[in-house]
């Protein structure tokens, strides 16, 4: 008797470019209140049992930001492990004071690697993997290497550094990568199936620092990270919002296994076109418009687009179904219900 495939097997098959039925998926909600809205829409929480996200997030080594260290009235300020100060009362949290006031690493010390891990993290991950043996388990080291440059310098100064202080910026991103590789050493010695990097170097129109400078400064260090993950026998996944079409050949070249978000509203990020050009070499995770069809389409339009994604994007394997972002506030309950039903039923129809 043939055994049913587990969610993890489906994910691995897709990454290895083998078709599966159903297609693996993730469907997450940005706030608990959205799930409660859907409870009221359905008249109960039974719908939650239908969802079976194939990729699950194990705890991160350390909270991305942490607990505010100061609070004055409605204002909460946090200083993170790297010395950056954040306004936690804003959504999302806003950087208010970076630690590097000048384009120099002189006098700056990165946090000790052991301080970047909560006590008992390895045991927590092992327990999480034991509790979900049939699912693909990932965790993230936190801010990506590009994002960490502006966390340390401030966004505008980082952009200036790329042009006017190129030697410093190169030293900065190399030092950040060295530090993250040391964090990865501990992460990779756990039952994680993959490492989910998160590094938004894209915006709606293209690569924030331009493709040429991205290739000069960021690409070589991403390769170091992906190679490190692969040497441990694990999968390299990368979340990137916005348009990264210009550097898609580079991501394939340096060995990225899974590109997550695939934001269809961004320039050049039509998932069907990306599939035709790169679909034999990389796995796409996402592709359903969080800025378009999910909040503004009809339930029927959502069902049709999900069916189209399942049908077209999963050819040759290499696809994990998901919205480009978790379901956002103000999404109509009927649209959320259409997502739940179409993801779990996976009606196939070639258009």
C-alpha atoms as a PDB file:
ATOM      1  CA  UNK A   1       0.000   0.000   0.000  1.00  0.00           C
ATOM      2  CA  UNK A   2       1.408   3.381  -1.034  1.00  0.00           C
ATOM      3  CA  UNK A   3       1.992   5.737   1.876  1.00  0.00           C
ATOM      4  CA  UNK A   4       0.714   9.312   1.613  1.00  0.00           C
ATOM      5  CA  UNK A   5       3.430  11.919   1.193  1.00  0.00           C
ATOM      6  CA  UNK A   6       4.170  14.107   4.183  1.00  0.00           C
ATOM      7  CA  UNK A   7       4.231  17.902   3.899  1.00  0.00           C
ATOM      8  CA  UNK A   8       8.027  17.816   4.260  1.00  0.00           C
ATOM      9  CA  UNK A   9       8.338  15.319   1.389  1.00  0.00           C
ATOM     10  CA  UNK A  10       6.207  17.558  -0.829  1.00  0.00           C
ATOM     11  CA  UNK A  11       8.371  20.579  -0.052  1.00  0.00           C
ATOM     12  CA  UNK A  12      11.577  18.637  -0.729  1.00  0.00           C
ATOM     13  CA  UNK A  13      10.176  17.205  -3.950  1.00  0.00           C
ATOM     14  CA  UNK A  14       9.248  20.677  -5.182  1.00  0.00           C
ATOM     15  CA  UNK A  15      12.720  21.994  -4.279  1.00  0.00           C
ATOM     16  CA  UNK A  16      14.155  19.049  -6.224  1.00  0.00           C
ATOM     17  CA  UNK A  17      11.884  20.008  -9.134  1.00  0.00           C
ATOM     18  CA  UNK A  18       9.472  17.135  -8.918  1.00  0.00           C
ATOM     19  CA  UNK A  19       5.751  17.765  -9.267  1.00  0.00           C
ATOM     20  CA  UNK A  20       3.468  16.937  -6.348  1.00  0.00           C
ATOM     21  CA  UNK A  21      -0.257  16.838  -5.834  1.00  0.00           C
ATOM     22  CA  UNK A  22      -1.241  18.731  -3.800  1.00  0.00           C
ATOM     23  CA  UNK A  23       1.262  21.546  -4.065  1.00  0.00           C
ATOM     24  CA  UNK A  24       2.804  22.460  -0.688  1.00  0.00           C
ATOM     25  CA  UNK A  25       1.590  25.758   0.753  1.00  0.00           C
ATOM     26  CA  UNK A  26       1.810  28.245   3.589  1.00  0.00           C
ATOM     27  CA  UNK A  27      -0.989  30.598   4.609  1.00  0.00           C
ATOM     28  CA  UNK A  28      -0.308  32.879   7.561  1.00  0.00           C
ATOM     29  CA  UNK A  29      -2.133  35.772   9.199  1.00  0.00           C
ATOM     30  CA  UNK A  30      -0.403  38.980  10.294  1.00  0.00           C
ATOM     31  CA  UNK A  31      -2.507  39.316  13.453  1.00  0.00           C
ATOM     32  CA  UNK A  32      -4.566  36.952  15.652  1.00  0.00           C
ATOM     33  CA  UNK A  33      -7.518  39.312  15.199  1.00  0.00           C
ATOM     34  CA  UNK A  34      -7.743  38.326  11.521  1.00  0.00           C
ATOM     35  CA  UNK A  35      -8.174  34.686  12.486  1.00  0.00           C
ATOM     36  CA  UNK A  36     -10.850  35.699  14.989  1.00  0.00           C
ATOM     37  CA  UNK A  37     -12.650  37.592  12.199  1.00  0.00           C
ATOM     38  CA  UNK A  38     -12.652  34.383  10.187  1.00  0.00           C
ATOM     39  CA  UNK A  39     -13.974  32.458  13.211  1.00  0.00           C
ATOM     40  CA  UNK A  40     -16.950  34.815  13.255  1.00  0.00           C
ATOM     41  CA  UNK A  41     -17.394  34.521   9.473  1.00  0.00           C
ATOM     42  CA  UNK A  42     -17.546  30.713   9.693  1.00  0.00           C
ATOM     43  CA  UNK A  43     -19.394  30.617  12.995  1.00  0.00           C
ATOM     44  CA  UNK A  44     -16.571  28.690  14.668  1.00  0.00           C
ATOM     45  CA  UNK A  45     -12.863  27.898  14.625  1.00  0.00           C
ATOM     46  CA  UNK A  46     -13.197  24.520  12.879  1.00  0.00           C
ATOM     47  CA  UNK A  47     -11.690  25.944   9.679  1.00  0.00           C
ATOM     48  CA  UNK A  48      -8.293  26.214  11.413  1.00  0.00           C
ATOM     49  CA  UNK A  49      -7.975  22.435  11.434  1.00  0.00           C
ATOM     50  CA  UNK A  50      -8.125  22.433   7.631  1.00  0.00           C
ATOM     51  CA  UNK A  51      -4.904  24.412   7.345  1.00  0.00           C
ATOM     52  CA  UNK A  52      -1.676  22.449   7.260  1.00  0.00           C
ATOM     53  CA  UNK A  53       1.191  24.830   6.557  1.00  0.00           C
ATOM     54  CA  UNK A  54       3.931  22.709   5.024  1.00  0.00           C
ATOM     55  CA  UNK A  55       6.776  24.974   6.161  1.00  0.00           C
ATOM     56  CA  UNK A  56       6.897  25.858   9.849  1.00  0.00           C
ATOM     57  CA  UNK A  57       8.990  28.468  11.639  1.00  0.00           C
ATOM     58  CA  UNK A  58      10.961  27.174  14.588  1.00  0.00           C
ATOM     59  CA  UNK A  59      11.905  29.785  17.204  1.00  0.00           C
ATOM     60  CA  UNK A  60      14.584  32.262  16.162  1.00  0.00           C
ATOM     61  CA  UNK A  61      17.847  32.175  18.118  1.00  0.00           C
ATOM     62  CA  UNK A  62      17.031  35.569  19.611  1.00  0.00           C
ATOM     63  CA  UNK A  63      14.064  37.967  19.296  1.00  0.00           C
ATOM     64  CA  UNK A  64      14.589  40.187  16.260  1.00  0.00           C
ATOM     65  CA  UNK A  65      14.383  43.245  18.459  1.00  0.00           C
ATOM     66  CA  UNK A  66      13.363  42.296  21.977  1.00  0.00           C
ATOM     67  CA  UNK A  67      11.698  43.954  24.958  1.00  0.00           C
ATOM     68  CA  UNK A  68      11.636  47.781  25.172  1.00  0.00           C
ATOM     69  CA  UNK A  69      14.182  49.110  27.640  1.00  0.00           C
ATOM     70  CA  UNK A  70      12.545  52.526  28.069  1.00  0.00           C
ATOM     71  CA  UNK A  71       8.918  53.628  28.118  1.00  0.00           C
ATOM     72  CA  UNK A  72       7.669  57.195  28.445  1.00  0.00           C
ATOM     73  CA  UNK A  73       3.917  57.525  28.046  1.00  0.00           C
ATOM     74  CA  UNK A  74       3.110  55.946  24.699  1.00  0.00           C
ATOM     75  CA  UNK A  75       6.751  55.890  23.582  1.00  0.00           C
ATOM     76  CA  UNK A  76       8.818  52.705  23.905  1.00  0.00           C
ATOM     77  CA  UNK A  77      12.506  52.711  22.964  1.00  0.00           C
ATOM     78  CA  UNK A  78      14.627  49.581  22.680  1.00  0.00           C
ATOM     79  CA  UNK A  79      18.374  49.193  22.284  1.00  0.00           C
ATOM     80  CA  UNK A  80      19.096  45.914  20.547  1.00  0.00           C
ATOM     81  CA  UNK A  81      22.125  43.647  20.887  1.00  0.00           C
ATOM     82  CA  UNK A  82      23.957  45.530  18.136  1.00  0.00           C
ATOM     83  CA  UNK A  83      23.504  48.926  19.807  1.00  0.00           C
ATOM     84  CA  UNK A  84      20.745  50.225  17.518  1.00  0.00           C
ATOM     85  CA  UNK A  85      17.846  52.074  19.166  1.00  0.00           C
ATOM     86  CA  UNK A  86      14.280  51.456  17.962  1.00  0.00           C
ATOM     87  CA  UNK A  87      10.886  53.098  18.439  1.00  0.00           C
ATOM     88  CA  UNK A  88       8.783  50.070  19.316  1.00  0.00           C
ATOM     89  CA  UNK A  89       5.446  51.909  19.517  1.00  0.00           C
ATOM     90  CA  UNK A  90       5.386  52.354  15.737  1.00  0.00           C
ATOM     91  CA  UNK A  91       4.311  49.686  13.230  1.00  0.00           C
ATOM     92  CA  UNK A  92       6.694  48.482  12.056  1.00  0.00           C
ATOM     93  CA  UNK A  93       9.331  49.410  14.607  1.00  0.00           C
ATOM     94  CA  UNK A  94      11.419  52.379  13.421  1.00  0.00           C
ATOM     95  CA  UNK A  95      15.162  52.803  13.760  1.00  0.00           C
ATOM     96  CA  UNK A  96      15.750  56.046  15.668  1.00  0.00           C
ATOM     97  CA  UNK A  97      19.479  55.883  16.411  1.00  0.00           C
ATOM     98  CA  UNK A  98      22.059  53.664  14.658  1.00  0.00           C
ATOM     99  CA  UNK A  99      25.233  52.814  16.580  1.00  0.00           C
ATOM    100  CA  UNK A 100      27.748  53.804  13.868  1.00  0.00           C
ATOM    101  CA  UNK A 101      27.648  57.586  13.581  1.00  0.00           C
ATOM    102  CA  UNK A 102      30.599  57.697  11.174  1.00  0.00           C
ATOM    103  CA  UNK A 103      31.713  55.448   8.274  1.00  0.00           C
ATOM    104  CA  UNK A 104      34.181  53.525  10.411  1.00  0.00           C
ATOM    105  CA  UNK A 105      34.217  50.285  12.389  1.00  0.00           C
ATOM    106  CA  UNK A 106      36.867  51.638  14.742  1.00  0.00           C
ATOM    107  CA  UNK A 107      35.774  51.088  18.336  1.00  0.00           C
ATOM    108  CA  UNK A 108      32.705  49.046  17.388  1.00  0.00           C
ATOM    109  CA  UNK A 109      32.333  45.511  18.707  1.00  0.00           C
ATOM    110  CA  UNK A 110      29.796  43.023  17.392  1.00  0.00           C
ATOM    111  CA  UNK A 111      27.815  41.196  20.079  1.00  0.00           C
ATOM    112  CA  UNK A 112      29.215  37.891  21.286  1.00  0.00           C
ATOM    113  CA  UNK A 113      27.710  35.010  19.321  1.00  0.00           C
ATOM    114  CA  UNK A 114      26.560  33.318  22.530  1.00  0.00           C
ATOM    115  CA  UNK A 115      24.603  36.473  23.422  1.00  0.00           C
ATOM    116  CA  UNK A 116      22.721  36.147  20.118  1.00  0.00           C
ATOM    117  CA  UNK A 117      21.118  32.912  21.357  1.00  0.00           C
ATOM    118  CA  UNK A 118      18.520  32.588  24.061  1.00  0.00           C
ATOM    119  CA  UNK A 119      19.365  30.020  26.704  1.00  0.00           C
ATOM    120  CA  UNK A 120      18.051  26.606  25.712  1.00  0.00           C
ATOM    121  CA  UNK A 121      17.401  27.568  22.085  1.00  0.00           C
ATOM    122  CA  UNK A 122      18.898  24.370  20.643  1.00  0.00           C
ATOM    123  CA  UNK A 123      16.733  22.240  22.915  1.00  0.00           C
ATOM    124  CA  UNK A 124      13.656  24.269  21.959  1.00  0.00           C
ATOM    125  CA  UNK A 125      14.338  23.716  18.255  1.00  0.00           C
ATOM    126  CA  UNK A 126      14.912  19.991  18.805  1.00  0.00           C
ATOM    127  CA  UNK A 127      11.602  19.748  20.662  1.00  0.00           C
ATOM    128  CA  UNK A 128       9.806  21.713  17.931  1.00  0.00           C
ATOM    129  CA  UNK A 129      11.208  19.368  15.260  1.00  0.00           C
ATOM    130  CA  UNK A 130      10.175  16.322  17.315  1.00  0.00           C
ATOM    131  CA  UNK A 131       6.648  17.710  17.601  1.00  0.00           C
ATOM    132  CA  UNK A 132       6.404  18.330  13.830  1.00  0.00           C
ATOM    133  CA  UNK A 133       8.352  15.467  12.226  1.00  0.00           C
ATOM    134  CA  UNK A 134       6.308  15.546   9.017  1.00  0.00           C
ATOM    135  CA  UNK A 135       6.862  19.230   8.285  1.00  0.00           C
ATOM    136  CA  UNK A 136       9.698  21.267   6.786  1.00  0.00           C
ATOM    137  CA  UNK A 137      11.253  23.288   9.611  1.00  0.00           C
ATOM    138  CA  UNK A 138      13.123  26.564   9.135  1.00  0.00           C
ATOM    139  CA  UNK A 139      14.506  29.326  11.299  1.00  0.00           C
ATOM    140  CA  UNK A 140      16.055  32.713  10.604  1.00  0.00           C
ATOM    141  CA  UNK A 141      19.234  34.325  11.938  1.00  0.00           C
ATOM    142  CA  UNK A 142      17.446  37.691  11.965  1.00  0.00           C
ATOM    143  CA  UNK A 143      18.213  40.759   9.893  1.00  0.00           C
ATOM    144  CA  UNK A 144      19.968  39.899   6.638  1.00  0.00           C
ATOM    145  CA  UNK A 145      23.452  41.132   5.850  1.00  0.00           C
ATOM    146  CA  UNK A 146      22.230  44.048   3.696  1.00  0.00           C
ATOM    147  CA  UNK A 147      19.551  45.085   6.175  1.00  0.00           C
ATOM    148  CA  UNK A 148      22.097  44.992   8.987  1.00  0.00           C
ATOM    149  CA  UNK A 149      24.212  47.616   7.168  1.00  0.00           C
ATOM    150  CA  UNK A 150      21.435  50.205   7.458  1.00  0.00           C
ATOM    151  CA  UNK A 151      20.553  49.099  10.986  1.00  0.00           C
ATOM    152  CA  UNK A 152      24.136  49.916  11.976  1.00  0.00           C
ATOM    153  CA  UNK A 153      24.467  53.090   9.890  1.00  0.00           C
ATOM    154  CA  UNK A 154      20.957  54.420   9.273  1.00  0.00           C
ATOM    155  CA  UNK A 155      19.238  54.044   5.908  1.00  0.00           C
ATOM    156  CA  UNK A 156      20.303  57.319   4.288  1.00  0.00           C
ATOM    157  CA  UNK A 157      23.900  57.034   5.476  1.00  0.00           C
ATOM    158  CA  UNK A 158      24.029  53.460   4.208  1.00  0.00           C
ATOM    159  CA  UNK A 159      22.963  54.607   0.736  1.00  0.00           C
ATOM    160  CA  UNK A 160      25.613  57.330   0.851  1.00  0.00           C
ATOM    161  CA  UNK A 161      28.270  54.855   2.012  1.00  0.00           C
ATOM    162  CA  UNK A 162      27.644  52.591  -0.981  1.00  0.00           C
ATOM    163  CA  UNK A 163      28.677  55.425  -3.305  1.00  0.00           C
ATOM    164  CA  UNK A 164      31.047  57.622  -1.281  1.00  0.00           C
ATOM    165  CA  UNK A 165      32.560  55.179   1.229  1.00  0.00           C
ATOM    166  CA  UNK A 166      32.804  51.999  -0.833  1.00  0.00           C
ATOM    167  CA  UNK A 167      35.813  50.599   1.032  1.00  0.00           C
ATOM    168  CA  UNK A 168      34.100  51.072   4.369  1.00  0.00           C
ATOM    169  CA  UNK A 169      30.850  49.561   3.101  1.00  0.00           C
ATOM    170  CA  UNK A 170      32.728  46.530   1.797  1.00  0.00           C
ATOM    171  CA  UNK A 171      34.438  46.073   5.170  1.00  0.00           C
ATOM    172  CA  UNK A 172      31.132  46.552   6.970  1.00  0.00           C
ATOM    173  CA  UNK A 173      29.179  43.937   5.017  1.00  0.00           C
ATOM    174  CA  UNK A 174      32.093  41.493   5.218  1.00  0.00           C
ATOM    175  CA  UNK A 175      32.214  41.883   9.013  1.00  0.00           C
ATOM    176  CA  UNK A 176      28.441  41.422   9.246  1.00  0.00           C
ATOM    177  CA  UNK A 177      28.675  38.263   7.138  1.00  0.00           C
ATOM    178  CA  UNK A 178      31.526  36.882   9.257  1.00  0.00           C
ATOM    179  CA  UNK A 179      29.391  37.405  12.342  1.00  0.00           C
ATOM    180  CA  UNK A 180      26.334  35.785  10.750  1.00  0.00           C
ATOM    181  CA  UNK A 181      28.392  32.783   9.643  1.00  0.00           C
ATOM    182  CA  UNK A 182      29.340  32.208  13.279  1.00  0.00           C
ATOM    183  CA  UNK A 183      25.647  32.349  14.205  1.00  0.00           C
ATOM    184  CA  UNK A 184      24.887  29.889  11.399  1.00  0.00           C
ATOM    185  CA  UNK A 185      27.425  27.423  12.791  1.00  0.00           C
ATOM    186  CA  UNK A 186      25.217  26.925  15.840  1.00  0.00           C
ATOM    187  CA  UNK A 187      21.950  27.018  13.910  1.00  0.00           C
ATOM    188  CA  UNK A 188      23.089  24.370  11.447  1.00  0.00           C
ATOM    189  CA  UNK A 189      23.932  21.973  14.256  1.00  0.00           C
ATOM    190  CA  UNK A 190      20.206  21.449  14.948  1.00  0.00           C
ATOM    191  CA  UNK A 191      17.395  19.473  13.221  1.00  0.00           C
ATOM    192  CA  UNK A 192      16.406  22.441  11.031  1.00  0.00           C
ATOM    193  CA  UNK A 193      15.684  21.533   7.412  1.00  0.00           C
ATOM    194  CA  UNK A 194      16.619  24.951   6.100  1.00  0.00           C
ATOM    195  CA  UNK A 195      17.713  28.471   6.931  1.00  0.00           C
ATOM    196  CA  UNK A 196      15.317  31.250   5.948  1.00  0.00           C
ATOM    197  CA  UNK A 197      17.347  34.407   5.356  1.00  0.00           C
ATOM    198  CA  UNK A 198      15.405  37.666   5.329  1.00  0.00           C
ATOM    199  CA  UNK A 199      17.025  40.540   3.475  1.00  0.00           C
ATOM    200  CA  UNK A 200      14.972  43.135   1.622  1.00  0.00           C
ATOM    201  CA  UNK A 201      17.319  44.565  -0.989  1.00  0.00           C
ATOM    202  CA  UNK A 202      14.442  45.067  -3.415  1.00  0.00           C
ATOM    203  CA  UNK A 203      11.779  47.765  -3.730  1.00  0.00           C
ATOM    204  CA  UNK A 204       8.844  48.093  -6.111  1.00  0.00           C
ATOM    205  CA  UNK A 205      10.994  49.208  -9.055  1.00  0.00           C
ATOM    206  CA  UNK A 206      14.207  47.254  -8.638  1.00  0.00           C
ATOM    207  CA  UNK A 207      17.248  46.669  -6.441  1.00  0.00           C
ATOM    208  CA  UNK A 208      17.710  49.398  -3.825  1.00  0.00           C
ATOM    209  CA  UNK A 209      21.407  50.021  -4.471  1.00  0.00           C
ATOM    210  CA  UNK A 210      21.224  49.019  -8.141  1.00  0.00           C
ATOM    211  CA  UNK A 211      22.093  45.668  -9.645  1.00  0.00           C
ATOM    212  CA  UNK A 212      25.756  46.531 -10.333  1.00  0.00           C
ATOM    213  CA  UNK A 213      26.514  47.552  -6.748  1.00  0.00           C
ATOM    214  CA  UNK A 214      24.463  44.646  -5.421  1.00  0.00           C
ATOM    215  CA  UNK A 215      26.714  42.322  -7.437  1.00  0.00           C
ATOM    216  CA  UNK A 216      29.812  44.102  -6.139  1.00  0.00           C
ATOM    217  CA  UNK A 217      28.930  44.278  -2.446  1.00  0.00           C
ATOM    218  CA  UNK A 218      26.157  41.820  -1.589  1.00  0.00           C
ATOM    219  CA  UNK A 219      26.335  38.888  -3.983  1.00  0.00           C
ATOM    220  CA  UNK A 220      29.741  37.468  -2.903  1.00  0.00           C
ATOM    221  CA  UNK A 221      28.693  37.406   0.738  1.00  0.00           C
ATOM    222  CA  UNK A 222      25.306  35.847   0.024  1.00  0.00           C
ATOM    223  CA  UNK A 223      27.202  33.078  -1.753  1.00  0.00           C
ATOM    224  CA  UNK A 224      29.278  32.540   1.396  1.00  0.00           C
ATOM    225  CA  UNK A 225      26.078  32.133   3.427  1.00  0.00           C
ATOM    226  CA  UNK A 226      24.351  29.814   0.940  1.00  0.00           C
ATOM    227  CA  UNK A 227      27.494  27.687   0.577  1.00  0.00           C
ATOM    228  CA  UNK A 228      27.723  27.354   4.357  1.00  0.00           C
ATOM    229  CA  UNK A 229      24.129  26.125   4.535  1.00  0.00           C
ATOM    230  CA  UNK A 230      24.674  23.656   1.698  1.00  0.00           C
ATOM    231  CA  UNK A 231      27.852  22.284   3.289  1.00  0.00           C
ATOM    232  CA  UNK A 232      25.680  21.327   6.270  1.00  0.00           C
ATOM    233  CA  UNK A 233      23.290  19.471   3.953  1.00  0.00           C
ATOM    234  CA  UNK A 234      20.460  21.959   4.413  1.00  0.00           C
ATOM    235  CA  UNK A 235      18.327  24.212   2.199  1.00  0.00           C
ATOM    236  CA  UNK A 236      18.965  27.931   1.647  1.00  0.00           C
ATOM    237  CA  UNK A 237      15.785  30.015   1.449  1.00  0.00           C
ATOM    238  CA  UNK A 238      15.691  33.810   1.152  1.00  0.00           C
ATOM    239  CA  UNK A 239      12.819  36.205   1.779  1.00  0.00           C
ATOM    240  CA  UNK A 240      13.073  39.320  -0.390  1.00  0.00           C
ATOM    241  CA  UNK A 241      10.261  41.781  -1.044  1.00  0.00           C
ATOM    242  CA  UNK A 242      10.002  43.952  -4.123  1.00  0.00           C
ATOM    243  CA  UNK A 243      11.623  43.599  -7.523  1.00  0.00           C
ATOM    244  CA  UNK A 244      14.718  41.396  -7.817  1.00  0.00           C
ATOM    245  CA  UNK A 245      14.257  40.486 -11.475  1.00  0.00           C
ATOM    246  CA  UNK A 246      17.555  42.120 -12.470  1.00  0.00           C
ATOM    247  CA  UNK A 247      19.545  39.798 -10.218  1.00  0.00           C
ATOM    248  CA  UNK A 248      17.587  36.570 -10.697  1.00  0.00           C
ATOM    249  CA  UNK A 249      20.392  35.022 -12.827  1.00  0.00           C
ATOM    250  CA  UNK A 250      22.827  35.864 -10.031  1.00  0.00           C
ATOM    251  CA  UNK A 251      20.661  34.213  -7.368  1.00  0.00           C
ATOM    252  CA  UNK A 252      20.548  31.066  -9.474  1.00  0.00           C
ATOM    253  CA  UNK A 253      24.312  31.254 -10.041  1.00  0.00           C
ATOM    254  CA  UNK A 254      25.181  31.473  -6.321  1.00  0.00           C
ATOM    255  CA  UNK A 255      22.913  28.576  -5.430  1.00  0.00           C
ATOM    256  CA  UNK A 256      19.803  29.977  -3.764  1.00  0.00           C
ATOM    257  CA  UNK A 257      17.350  27.099  -3.437  1.00  0.00           C
ATOM    258  CA  UNK A 258      14.116  28.981  -2.667  1.00  0.00           C
ATOM    259  CA  UNK A 259      13.122  32.617  -3.313  1.00  0.00           C
ATOM    260  CA  UNK A 260      10.301  33.680  -1.015  1.00  0.00           C
ATOM    261  CA  UNK A 261       7.769  36.464  -1.541  1.00  0.00           C
ATOM    262  CA  UNK A 262       7.677  36.717  -5.367  1.00  0.00           C
ATOM    263  CA  UNK A 263       5.657  39.927  -5.071  1.00  0.00           C
ATOM    264  CA  UNK A 264       3.682  40.115  -8.333  1.00  0.00           C
ATOM    265  CA  UNK A 265       2.937  43.840  -8.066  1.00  0.00           C
ATOM    266  CA  UNK A 266       6.651  44.711  -8.211  1.00  0.00           C
ATOM    267  CA  UNK A 267       8.300  45.468 -11.549  1.00  0.00           C
ATOM    268  CA  UNK A 268       9.374  42.362 -13.449  1.00  0.00           C
ATOM    269  CA  UNK A 269       8.014  39.985 -10.811  1.00  0.00           C
ATOM    270  CA  UNK A 270       5.181  38.380 -12.765  1.00  0.00           C
ATOM    271  CA  UNK A 271       5.417  34.844 -11.332  1.00  0.00           C
ATOM    272  CA  UNK A 272       4.460  33.137 -14.589  1.00  0.00           C
ATOM    273  CA  UNK A 273       7.199  34.941 -16.517  1.00  0.00           C
ATOM    274  CA  UNK A 274       9.745  34.161 -13.792  1.00  0.00           C
ATOM    275  CA  UNK A 275       8.677  30.520 -13.920  1.00  0.00           C
ATOM    276  CA  UNK A 276       9.220  30.325 -17.675  1.00  0.00           C
ATOM    277  CA  UNK A 277      12.688  31.854 -17.445  1.00  0.00           C
ATOM    278  CA  UNK A 278      14.087  30.449 -14.194  1.00  0.00           C
ATOM    279  CA  UNK A 279      11.676  27.755 -13.063  1.00  0.00           C
ATOM    280  CA  UNK A 280      13.990  24.829 -13.814  1.00  0.00           C
ATOM    281  CA  UNK A 281      16.754  26.250 -11.615  1.00  0.00           C
ATOM    282  CA  UNK A 282      15.120  27.730  -8.514  1.00  0.00           C
ATOM    283  CA  UNK A 283      11.999  27.239  -6.396  1.00  0.00           C
ATOM    284  CA  UNK A 284       9.508  30.086  -6.023  1.00  0.00           C
ATOM    285  CA  UNK A 285       7.536  30.465  -2.787  1.00  0.00           C
ATOM    286  CA  UNK A 286       4.691  32.975  -2.931  1.00  0.00           C
ATOM    287  CA  UNK A 287       3.368  34.828  -5.952  1.00  0.00           C
ATOM    288  CA  UNK A 288      -0.204  35.631  -4.841  1.00  0.00           C
ATOM    289  CA  UNK A 289      -0.701  39.386  -4.693  1.00  0.00           C
ATOM    290  CA  UNK A 290      -0.953  40.769  -1.164  1.00  0.00           C
ATOM    291  CA  UNK A 291      -1.280  44.329  -2.494  1.00  0.00           C
ATOM    292  CA  UNK A 292      -3.841  43.513  -5.158  1.00  0.00           C
ATOM    293  CA  UNK A 293      -6.040  40.475  -5.491  1.00  0.00           C
ATOM    294  CA  UNK A 294      -6.120  39.389  -1.841  1.00  0.00           C
ATOM    295  CA  UNK A 295      -7.483  42.659  -0.393  1.00  0.00           C
ATOM    296  CA  UNK A 296      -9.233  44.021  -3.497  1.00  0.00           C
ATOM    297  CA  UNK A 297     -10.300  41.032  -5.604  1.00  0.00           C
ATOM    298  CA  UNK A 298     -13.486  39.041  -5.279  1.00  0.00           C
ATOM    299  CA  UNK A 299     -13.548  35.594  -3.654  1.00  0.00           C
ATOM    300  CA  UNK A 300     -14.117  34.049  -7.080  1.00  0.00           C
ATOM    301  CA  UNK A 301     -11.138  35.924  -8.556  1.00  0.00           C
ATOM    302  CA  UNK A 302      -8.968  34.675  -5.703  1.00  0.00           C
ATOM    303  CA  UNK A 303     -10.028  31.064  -6.274  1.00  0.00           C
ATOM    304  CA  UNK A 304      -9.287  31.330  -9.994  1.00  0.00           C
ATOM    305  CA  UNK A 305      -5.844  32.855  -9.417  1.00  0.00           C
ATOM    306  CA  UNK A 306      -4.931  30.197  -6.852  1.00  0.00           C
ATOM    307  CA  UNK A 307      -5.975  27.477  -9.305  1.00  0.00           C
ATOM    308  CA  UNK A 308      -3.863  29.123 -12.009  1.00  0.00           C
ATOM    309  CA  UNK A 309      -0.816  29.344  -9.722  1.00  0.00           C
ATOM    310  CA  UNK A 310      -1.173  25.704  -8.712  1.00  0.00           C
ATOM    311  CA  UNK A 311      -1.536  24.609 -12.310  1.00  0.00           C
ATOM    312  CA  UNK A 312       1.172  26.683 -13.985  1.00  0.00           C
ATOM    313  CA  UNK A 313       3.784  27.323 -11.306  1.00  0.00           C
ATOM    314  CA  UNK A 314       4.071  23.691 -10.222  1.00  0.00           C
ATOM    315  CA  UNK A 315       5.020  22.396 -13.680  1.00  0.00           C
ATOM    316  CA  UNK A 316       8.474  20.704 -13.329  1.00  0.00           C
ATOM    317  CA  UNK A 317       8.084  21.241  -9.576  1.00  0.00           C
ATOM    318  CA  UNK A 318       9.815  24.205  -7.996  1.00  0.00           C
ATOM    319  CA  UNK A 319       6.802  25.933  -6.413  1.00  0.00           C
ATOM    320  CA  UNK A 320       5.361  26.497  -2.935  1.00  0.00           C
ATOM    321  CA  UNK A 321       1.978  28.217  -2.903  1.00  0.00           C
ATOM    322  CA  UNK A 322       1.629  31.297  -0.676  1.00  0.00           C
ATOM    323  CA  UNK A 323       0.615  34.946  -0.610  1.00  0.00           C
ATOM    324  CA  UNK A 324       3.550  37.298  -1.136  1.00  0.00           C
ATOM    325  CA  UNK A 325       2.986  38.466   2.456  1.00  0.00           C
ATOM    326  CA  UNK A 326       0.933  37.091   5.326  1.00  0.00           C
ATOM    327  CA  UNK A 327      -2.739  38.078   5.204  1.00  0.00           C
ATOM    328  CA  UNK A 328      -2.903  41.764   6.122  1.00  0.00           C
ATOM    329  CA  UNK A 329      -5.365  43.728   8.293  1.00  0.00           C
ATOM    330  CA  UNK A 330      -8.500  44.972   6.522  1.00  0.00           C
ATOM    331  CA  UNK A 331      -8.678  41.910   4.241  1.00  0.00           C
ATOM    332  CA  UNK A 332     -12.388  41.073   3.799  1.00  0.00           C
ATOM    333  CA  UNK A 333     -13.388  37.891   5.675  1.00  0.00           C
ATOM    334  CA  UNK A 334     -14.920  36.433   2.491  1.00  0.00           C
ATOM    335  CA  UNK A 335     -11.538  36.816   0.777  1.00  0.00           C
ATOM    336  CA  UNK A 336      -9.745  35.148   3.677  1.00  0.00           C
ATOM    337  CA  UNK A 337     -12.237  32.283   3.466  1.00  0.00           C
ATOM    338  CA  UNK A 338     -11.607  31.969  -0.279  1.00  0.00           C
ATOM    339  CA  UNK A 339      -7.882  31.639   0.452  1.00  0.00           C
ATOM    340  CA  UNK A 340      -8.384  28.956   3.087  1.00  0.00           C
ATOM    341  CA  UNK A 341     -10.733  26.960   0.883  1.00  0.00           C
ATOM    342  CA  UNK A 342      -8.736  27.233  -2.353  1.00  0.00           C
ATOM    343  CA  UNK A 343      -5.416  26.458  -0.641  1.00  0.00           C
ATOM    344  CA  UNK A 344      -6.766  23.383   1.088  1.00  0.00           C
ATOM    345  CA  UNK A 345      -8.864  22.120  -1.824  1.00  0.00           C
ATOM    346  CA  UNK A 346      -6.351  23.027  -4.596  1.00  0.00           C
ATOM    347  CA  UNK A 347      -8.664  22.920  -7.576  1.00  0.00           C
ATOM    348  CA  UNK A 348      -6.496  22.462 -10.661  1.00  0.00           C
ATOM    349  CA  UNK A 349      -7.508  24.223 -13.836  1.00  0.00           C
ATOM    350  CA  UNK A 350      -5.262  25.228 -16.714  1.00  0.00           C
ATOM    351  CA  UNK A 351      -6.285  28.596 -18.134  1.00  0.00           C
END
